[in-house]
Amino acid sequence: MKIEPQDLQPLLAGLPQWRFTSDRGGTLAREFVFHDFAQAFGFMTQVAIYAEKRNHHPEWFNVYNRVAVTLTTHDVDGLSMNDIEMARLMERVAAALASQVH
């Protein structure tokens, strides 16, 4: 089910580093920066396992320690709770990796 614009703001309040665009009916985007390539790849691996189980796959691009992510739900032509849940998971995974000492 597509998230209506009036319902989106409270959900985004908990995701301050994500930006909403109206492209393609609605997307969320964020760039994560990690310590190094291995940490970025580890992030992508953990998220990929979750995404595959949920059958909800992010659009992403990785160069060295950066991972740029765009979330949208093609089936609803915009954002759904699947995108919000994926963004929340990504935040948790990134925070856990950031807390690791190198």
Protein backbone atom coordinates (compact mmCIF):
# COMPACT_ATOMS: atom_id res chain seq x y z
CA MET A 1 0.00 0.00 0.00
CA LYS A 2 1.36 3.40 -1.00
CA ILE A 3 2.10 5.85 1.81
CA GLU A 4 0.04 8.99 1.33
CA PRO A 5 1.92 12.32 1.48
CA GLN A 6 0.18 13.42 4.68
CA ASP A 7 1.30 10.21 6.42
CA LEU A 8 4.92 10.42 5.31
CA GLN A 9 6.28 13.25 7.49
CA PRO A 10 5.96 11.46 10.86
CA LEU A 11 7.69 8.40 9.37
CA LEU A 12 10.54 10.51 7.99
CA ALA A 13 11.07 12.20 11.36
CA GLY A 14 12.83 9.05 12.52
CA LEU A 15 15.03 8.98 9.40
CA PRO A 16 16.63 12.44 9.37
CA GLN A 17 19.47 11.59 6.98
CA TRP A 18 17.13 10.28 4.29
CA ARG A 19 15.75 12.66 1.70
CA PHE A 20 12.42 12.32 -0.02
CA THR A 21 11.97 13.11 -3.69
CA SER A 22 8.82 12.96 -5.77
CA ASP A 23 10.72 11.17 -8.56
CA ARG A 24 9.02 8.01 -9.81
CA GLY A 25 6.04 8.53 -7.53
CA GLY A 26 8.25 8.92 -4.46
CA THR A 27 11.69 7.78 -3.37
CA LEU A 28 13.92 7.90 -0.31
CA ALA A 29 17.64 8.37 -0.81
CA ARG A 30 20.72 8.40 1.40
CA GLU A 31 24.45 7.97 1.11
CA PHE A 32 26.26 5.91 3.74
CA VAL A 33 29.98 6.42 4.33
CA PHE A 34 31.98 3.64 5.98
CA HIS A 35 35.53 3.19 7.21
CA ASP A 36 36.64 1.24 4.14
CA PHE A 37 35.46 -0.96 1.29
CA ALA A 38 35.21 -4.08 3.45
CA GLN A 39 32.85 -2.33 5.86
CA ALA A 40 30.74 -0.96 2.98
CA PHE A 41 30.57 -4.42 1.43
CA GLY A 42 29.66 -5.93 4.81
CA PHE A 43 26.79 -3.46 5.06
CA MET A 44 25.56 -4.40 1.62
CA THR A 45 25.83 -8.12 2.42
CA GLN A 46 23.79 -7.83 5.61
CA VAL A 47 21.14 -5.71 3.91
CA ALA A 48 21.04 -8.04 0.88
CA ILE A 49 20.17 -11.03 3.07
CA TYR A 50 17.28 -9.11 4.65
CA ALA A 51 16.15 -7.76 1.27
CA GLU A 52 16.07 -11.20 -0.29
CA LYS A 53 13.99 -12.61 2.57
CA ARG A 54 11.54 -9.70 2.28
CA ASN A 55 11.61 -9.68 -1.54
CA HIS A 56 12.19 -5.92 -1.41
CA HIS A 57 15.46 -4.91 -3.02
CA PRO A 58 17.15 -1.51 -2.78
CA GLU A 59 18.67 0.34 -5.68
CA TRP A 60 22.25 1.04 -4.68
CA PHE A 61 25.63 2.03 -5.95
CA ASN A 62 28.95 1.38 -4.24
CA VAL A 63 32.34 3.02 -4.71
CA TYR A 64 35.03 2.18 -2.16
CA ASN A 65 33.61 3.21 1.26
CA ARG A 66 30.38 4.80 0.03
CA VAL A 67 27.00 3.22 -0.63
CA ALA A 68 24.31 5.40 -2.24
CA VAL A 69 20.82 3.98 -1.73
CA THR A 70 17.45 4.74 -3.32
CA LEU A 71 14.30 3.09 -2.01
CA THR A 72 10.94 2.92 -3.74
CA THR A 73 8.22 0.33 -4.23
CA HIS A 74 7.55 -0.22 -7.90
CA ASP A 75 4.30 -2.10 -7.25
CA VAL A 76 2.68 1.01 -5.69
CA ASP A 77 4.53 3.61 -7.78
CA GLY A 78 5.96 5.32 -4.71
CA LEU A 79 6.83 4.64 -1.10
CA SER A 80 5.43 1.86 1.05
CA MET A 81 6.11 0.69 4.59
CA ASN A 82 8.57 -1.78 3.04
CA ASP A 83 10.76 1.21 2.15
CA ILE A 84 10.49 2.71 5.64
CA GLU A 85 11.33 -0.64 7.24
CA MET A 86 14.29 -1.10 4.86
CA ALA A 87 15.60 2.39 5.70
CA ARG A 88 15.28 1.66 9.42
CA LEU A 89 17.15 -1.64 9.02
CA MET A 90 19.91 0.09 7.04
CA GLU A 91 20.29 2.65 9.82
CA ARG A 92 20.66 -0.13 12.42
CA VAL A 93 23.19 -2.07 10.35
CA ALA A 94 25.23 1.06 9.58
CA ALA A 95 25.23 2.12 13.27
CA ALA A 96 26.40 -1.34 14.36
CA LEU A 97 29.22 -1.28 11.83
CA ALA A 98 30.23 2.26 12.81
CA SER A 99 30.58 1.17 16.43
CA GLN A 100 33.16 -1.49 15.52
CA VAL A 101 36.75 -0.54 16.30
CA HIS A 102 39.29 -0.82 13.48
